[in-house]
């Protein structure tokens, strides 16, 4: 019989990872909605490209007719790109575990083996850091969704 790896003490991790990944799923959707607004199709190659490429595509095409709005959008795209790298760490890097005497494990963090601007190789992402990124990712998802209609006016 296979014993479950996670135990009830890990529920905060399960909740935080799930919430963050779901928020990033909204970021994924929002970028695709905006690309369809620009291209008029979901058949252009950029629609199927990775998230970082789609964010760059949108950033380059954001209307520049209102300087303040463009500056705010630039910040949103920069944070979205940072979160994209963080999401990749959360999704693809190993957990740091310790085994208890009873055979269960404790999660101490997620170790970054794919460093980006905001992490170093070997850095351990804590539950506190991940939890802070939940609200940040939700805000960026909302800001991207608010951009609907902006591209079609150019």
Protein backbone atom coordinates (compact mmCIF):
# COMPACT_ATOMS: atom_id res chain seq x y z
CA UNK A 1 0.00 0.00 0.00
CA UNK A 2 1.27 3.46 -0.91
CA UNK A 3 1.28 5.94 1.93
CA UNK A 4 0.26 9.52 1.16
CA UNK A 5 3.29 11.79 1.05
CA UNK A 6 1.49 14.84 2.37
CA UNK A 7 -0.02 15.01 5.83
CA UNK A 8 -2.54 17.42 7.39
CA UNK A 9 0.32 19.70 8.53
CA UNK A 10 1.04 20.34 4.84
CA UNK A 11 -2.41 21.78 4.10
CA UNK A 12 -1.12 25.39 4.14
CA UNK A 13 1.34 24.42 1.38
CA UNK A 14 -1.33 22.63 -0.62
CA UNK A 15 -3.65 25.63 -0.36
CA UNK A 16 -0.92 28.18 -1.20
CA UNK A 17 0.47 26.30 -4.21
CA UNK A 18 -3.03 25.67 -5.55
CA UNK A 19 -4.18 29.25 -5.08
CA UNK A 20 -1.04 30.69 -6.69
CA UNK A 21 -1.19 28.30 -9.66
CA UNK A 22 -4.90 29.05 -10.16
CA UNK A 23 -4.18 32.81 -10.17
CA UNK A 24 -1.47 32.23 -12.74
CA UNK A 25 -4.02 30.29 -14.79
CA UNK A 26 -6.06 33.50 -14.91
CA UNK A 27 -2.94 35.37 -16.06
CA UNK A 28 -2.57 32.74 -18.81
CA UNK A 29 -6.20 33.22 -19.87
CA UNK A 30 -5.99 37.00 -19.76
CA UNK A 31 -2.95 37.10 -22.05
CA UNK A 32 -4.73 34.92 -24.57
CA UNK A 33 -7.89 37.07 -24.45
CA UNK A 34 -5.79 40.17 -25.11
CA UNK A 35 -3.93 38.51 -27.97
CA UNK A 36 -7.22 37.63 -29.65
CA UNK A 37 -8.25 41.26 -29.19
CA UNK A 38 -5.09 42.37 -31.01
CA UNK A 39 -4.90 39.73 -33.74
CA UNK A 40 -8.58 38.91 -34.12
CA UNK A 41 -7.75 35.20 -33.97
CA UNK A 42 -6.63 32.39 -31.74
CA UNK A 43 -4.68 30.91 -34.65
CA UNK A 44 -1.63 33.21 -34.61
CA UNK A 45 1.55 31.51 -33.38
CA UNK A 46 1.85 33.88 -30.40
CA UNK A 47 -1.46 32.57 -29.00
CA UNK A 48 0.19 29.19 -28.36
CA UNK A 49 3.58 30.53 -27.31
CA UNK A 50 4.75 30.40 -23.71
CA UNK A 51 3.51 32.89 -21.12
CA UNK A 52 6.70 34.96 -21.07
CA UNK A 53 6.54 35.43 -24.85
CA UNK A 54 2.87 36.42 -24.69
CA UNK A 55 3.58 38.98 -21.95
CA UNK A 56 6.39 40.46 -24.09
CA UNK A 57 4.10 40.58 -27.11
CA UNK A 58 1.44 42.48 -25.18
CA UNK A 59 3.96 44.84 -23.63
CA UNK A 60 5.30 45.85 -27.05
CA UNK A 61 1.81 46.48 -28.41
CA UNK A 62 0.27 48.31 -25.48
CA UNK A 63 -1.09 51.67 -26.69
CA UNK A 64 1.20 54.61 -25.96
CA UNK A 65 -1.38 57.35 -26.44
CA UNK A 66 -1.76 57.90 -22.67
CA UNK A 67 1.66 58.07 -20.99
CA UNK A 68 0.46 57.45 -17.43
CA UNK A 69 -1.68 54.48 -18.43
CA UNK A 70 1.19 53.06 -20.49
CA UNK A 71 3.59 53.43 -17.54
CA UNK A 72 1.16 51.57 -15.27
CA UNK A 73 0.71 48.81 -17.86
CA UNK A 74 4.49 48.49 -18.19
CA UNK A 75 4.68 47.84 -14.43
CA UNK A 76 1.92 45.23 -14.67
CA UNK A 77 3.75 43.44 -17.49
CA UNK A 78 7.03 43.53 -15.53
CA UNK A 79 5.43 41.96 -12.46
CA UNK A 80 3.60 39.42 -14.62
CA UNK A 81 6.92 38.39 -16.15
CA UNK A 82 8.50 38.06 -12.69
CA UNK A 83 5.55 35.94 -11.53
CA UNK A 84 5.91 33.78 -14.63
CA UNK A 85 9.45 32.86 -13.53
CA UNK A 86 8.29 32.30 -9.97
CA UNK A 87 5.46 30.07 -11.23
CA UNK A 88 7.98 27.95 -13.11
CA UNK A 89 9.96 27.46 -9.90
CA UNK A 90 6.84 26.46 -7.98
CA UNK A 91 5.73 24.08 -10.72
CA UNK A 92 9.03 22.43 -11.62
CA UNK A 93 11.40 22.52 -8.67
CA UNK A 94 11.63 19.99 -5.85
CA UNK A 95 10.31 20.24 -2.34
CA UNK A 96 12.72 20.40 0.57
CA UNK A 97 11.51 17.62 2.87
CA UNK A 98 12.52 16.05 6.15
CA UNK A 99 11.32 12.64 7.16
CA UNK A 100 9.75 12.15 10.57
CA UNK A 101 10.32 9.05 12.67
CA UNK A 102 6.80 7.86 11.81
CA UNK A 103 7.66 7.91 8.09
CA UNK A 104 5.74 11.08 7.22
CA UNK A 105 7.41 14.19 5.88
CA UNK A 106 7.55 17.89 6.68
CA UNK A 107 7.77 20.43 3.86
CA UNK A 108 10.30 23.18 4.48
CA UNK A 109 10.12 24.88 1.12
CA UNK A 110 10.63 24.64 -2.60
CA UNK A 111 14.22 24.85 -3.79
CA UNK A 112 14.99 26.91 -6.86
CA UNK A 113 17.05 25.12 -9.46
CA UNK A 114 15.91 27.49 -12.21
CA UNK A 115 17.09 30.88 -10.97
CA UNK A 116 15.58 34.06 -12.35
CA UNK A 117 16.02 37.72 -11.46
CA UNK A 118 14.32 37.26 -8.10
CA UNK A 119 15.94 34.00 -6.92
CA UNK A 120 19.34 32.38 -6.77
CA UNK A 121 20.09 28.74 -7.49
CA UNK A 122 19.61 26.82 -4.28
CA UNK A 123 17.39 29.45 -2.70
CA UNK A 124 14.50 27.96 -0.75
CA UNK A 125 11.08 29.47 -1.35
CA UNK A 126 9.26 29.62 1.98
CA UNK A 127 5.56 29.30 2.64
CA UNK A 128 5.54 32.97 3.68
CA UNK A 129 7.00 34.08 0.36
CA UNK A 130 4.62 31.88 -1.61
CA UNK A 131 1.67 33.23 0.38
CA UNK A 132 2.70 36.83 -0.43
CA UNK A 133 2.77 35.93 -4.13
CA UNK A 134 -0.86 34.77 -4.00
CA UNK A 135 -2.22 38.30 -3.58
CA UNK A 136 0.34 39.69 -6.02
CA UNK A 137 -0.67 37.18 -8.70
CA UNK A 138 -4.39 37.84 -8.13
CA UNK A 139 -3.84 41.58 -8.55
CA UNK A 140 -1.85 41.13 -11.75
CA UNK A 141 -4.52 38.80 -13.15
CA UNK A 142 -7.16 41.44 -12.40
CA UNK A 143 -5.07 44.21 -13.97
CA UNK A 144 -4.57 42.18 -17.15
CA UNK A 145 -8.29 41.45 -17.39
CA UNK A 146 -8.98 45.20 -17.06
CA UNK A 147 -6.92 45.74 -20.21
CA UNK A 148 -9.67 44.20 -22.33
CA UNK A 149 -10.88 46.82 -24.78
CA UNK A 150 -7.68 48.87 -24.54
CA UNK A 151 -5.93 47.21 -27.48
CA UNK A 152 -8.96 47.39 -29.75
CA UNK A 153 -8.99 51.20 -29.47
CA UNK A 154 -5.60 51.59 -31.15
